[in-house]
Amino acid sequence: AVAGVISTLWGIVGHTQIFGKLGFVEWVFNTPSHHRVHHGSNKQYIDKNYGNLLIIWDRMFGTFEPEGEPVKFGLVNNVNTYNPTKITFMAWASMIEDIKNKNNFGEKLNAFIEPPSTHIKNKV
């Protein structure tokens, strides 16, 4: 229960724009600056900063991007629906469509394991 409360409170802090860079904390923890990047639709911010509490995993696996230029919040493509089911599964539907259009098993496998941004209709 305590961990859940701490995680929720850190999530609130992570969604604020009050804080800028936090010095040495930036090397280990997912700070508000890192989380802004996660929500950005700028080309360099797509598929970056997945960590919830620790940013070290993104640093280790190459998905880390520091906040540089101002973040444009939102989606690359608008959803254009209020249907929660369509919103939840739209990325999966796009990936399945991409897989159907591939010619051989290797291409289909690559379409399944490549980053989510490769399935965006208007490629970034």
Protein backbone atom coordinates (compact mmCIF):
# COMPACT_ATOMS: atom_id res chain seq x y z
CA ALA A 1 0.00 0.00 0.00
CA VAL A 2 2.83 2.39 0.86
CA ALA A 3 4.58 1.68 -2.44
CA GLY A 4 1.32 2.33 -4.30
CA VAL A 5 0.85 5.69 -2.60
CA ILE A 6 4.46 6.69 -3.29
CA SER A 7 4.14 5.63 -6.93
CA THR A 8 0.91 7.63 -7.32
CA LEU A 9 2.44 10.72 -5.72
CA TRP A 10 5.53 10.44 -7.92
CA GLY A 11 3.20 10.17 -10.93
CA ILE A 12 1.59 13.47 -9.95
CA VAL A 13 5.01 15.11 -9.64
CA GLY A 14 5.98 13.62 -13.01
CA HIS A 15 3.12 15.38 -14.77
CA THR A 16 3.96 18.87 -13.58
CA GLN A 17 5.75 21.61 -15.50
CA ILE A 18 6.76 23.42 -12.34
CA PHE A 19 10.10 21.60 -12.11
CA GLY A 20 12.94 21.92 -14.58
CA LYS A 21 16.09 19.80 -14.45
CA LEU A 22 16.83 18.17 -11.10
CA GLY A 23 20.61 17.71 -11.27
CA PHE A 24 22.04 14.33 -10.24
CA VAL A 25 18.52 12.93 -9.70
CA GLU A 26 18.15 12.94 -13.50
CA TRP A 27 20.67 10.09 -13.81
CA VAL A 28 18.63 7.56 -11.85
CA PHE A 29 15.00 8.64 -11.51
CA ASN A 30 12.32 9.46 -14.05
CA THR A 31 11.94 13.19 -13.42
CA PRO A 32 9.26 15.58 -14.70
CA SER A 33 11.68 16.59 -17.47
CA HIS A 34 12.07 12.98 -18.61
CA HIS A 35 8.34 12.36 -18.37
CA ARG A 36 7.53 15.39 -20.52
CA VAL A 37 9.67 13.80 -23.23
CA HIS A 38 7.64 10.58 -22.89
CA HIS A 39 4.46 12.52 -23.72
CA GLY A 40 6.04 14.49 -26.59
CA SER A 41 5.14 14.16 -30.25
CA ASN A 42 8.41 15.76 -31.42
CA LYS A 43 10.25 13.41 -33.79
CA GLN A 44 13.19 12.85 -31.41
CA TYR A 45 10.84 12.13 -28.47
CA ILE A 46 8.82 9.30 -30.07
CA ASP A 47 9.26 5.93 -28.30
CA LYS A 48 11.42 7.41 -25.53
CA ASN A 49 11.57 7.46 -21.71
CA TYR A 50 9.28 4.57 -20.80
CA GLY A 51 10.48 4.24 -17.19
CA ASN A 52 7.93 4.85 -14.44
CA LEU A 53 10.22 5.44 -11.48
CA LEU A 54 13.75 4.68 -12.68
CA ILE A 55 15.23 6.15 -15.87
CA ILE A 56 18.26 3.85 -15.70
CA TRP A 57 16.42 1.20 -17.76
CA ASP A 58 15.89 3.63 -20.61
CA ARG A 59 19.55 4.63 -20.40
CA MET A 60 20.59 0.95 -20.52
CA PHE A 61 18.32 -0.03 -23.41
CA GLY A 62 18.76 3.04 -25.63
CA THR A 63 15.27 4.50 -25.19
CA PHE A 64 16.43 7.52 -23.18
CA GLU A 65 16.16 11.04 -24.59
CA PRO A 66 16.89 14.16 -22.52
CA GLU A 67 14.56 17.13 -22.83
CA GLY A 68 16.06 19.53 -25.32
CA GLU A 69 13.69 21.56 -27.45
CA PRO A 70 10.25 22.40 -26.02
CA VAL A 71 7.95 19.40 -25.90
CA LYS A 72 4.90 19.32 -28.19
CA PHE A 73 2.45 17.29 -26.12
CA GLY A 74 0.03 14.90 -27.74
CA LEU A 75 -0.24 12.26 -30.41
CA VAL A 76 1.44 12.29 -33.80
CA ASN A 77 -1.95 11.53 -35.38
CA ASN A 78 -5.22 12.61 -33.84
CA VAL A 79 -7.50 9.80 -32.71
CA ASN A 80 -10.69 11.33 -34.17
CA THR A 81 -12.96 9.18 -31.99
CA TYR A 82 -14.25 9.07 -28.45
CA ASN A 83 -14.69 5.30 -28.57
CA PRO A 84 -12.46 3.96 -25.77
CA THR A 85 -12.16 0.52 -27.39
CA LYS A 86 -10.89 1.98 -30.66
CA ILE A 87 -8.48 4.25 -28.78
CA THR A 88 -7.14 1.34 -26.71
CA PHE A 89 -6.54 -0.96 -29.66
CA MET A 90 -5.72 1.46 -32.51
CA ALA A 91 -1.95 0.84 -32.31
CA TRP A 92 -2.51 -2.93 -32.34
CA ALA A 93 -4.86 -2.65 -35.32
CA SER A 94 -2.28 -0.61 -37.20
CA MET A 95 0.43 -3.17 -36.43
CA ILE A 96 -1.77 -6.06 -37.58
CA GLU A 97 -2.55 -4.18 -40.80
CA ASP A 98 1.18 -3.65 -41.38
CA ILE A 99 1.87 -7.36 -40.78
CA LYS A 100 -0.84 -8.38 -43.29
CA ASN A 101 0.83 -6.21 -45.95
CA LYS A 102 4.25 -7.87 -45.56
CA ASN A 103 5.42 -10.41 -48.12
CA ASN A 104 7.26 -13.05 -46.08
CA PHE A 105 7.66 -14.40 -42.57
CA GLY A 106 10.82 -12.37 -41.86
CA GLU A 107 9.13 -9.08 -42.76
CA LYS A 108 6.06 -10.05 -40.72
CA LEU A 109 8.23 -10.87 -37.70
CA ASN A 110 10.07 -7.56 -38.01
CA ALA A 111 6.75 -5.71 -38.17
CA PHE A 112 5.76 -7.42 -34.91
CA ILE A 113 8.95 -6.61 -32.97
CA GLU A 114 9.89 -3.17 -34.33
CA PRO A 115 9.21 0.01 -32.29
CA PRO A 116 5.63 1.34 -32.10
CA SER A 117 6.50 4.46 -34.11
CA THR A 118 6.98 2.34 -37.24
CA HIS A 119 3.23 1.66 -37.25
CA ILE A 120 2.17 5.31 -37.20
CA LYS A 121 0.18 6.07 -40.35
CA ASN A 122 1.94 9.35 -41.10
CA LYS A 123 5.46 8.21 -40.36
CA VAL A 124 7.48 10.64 -38.25
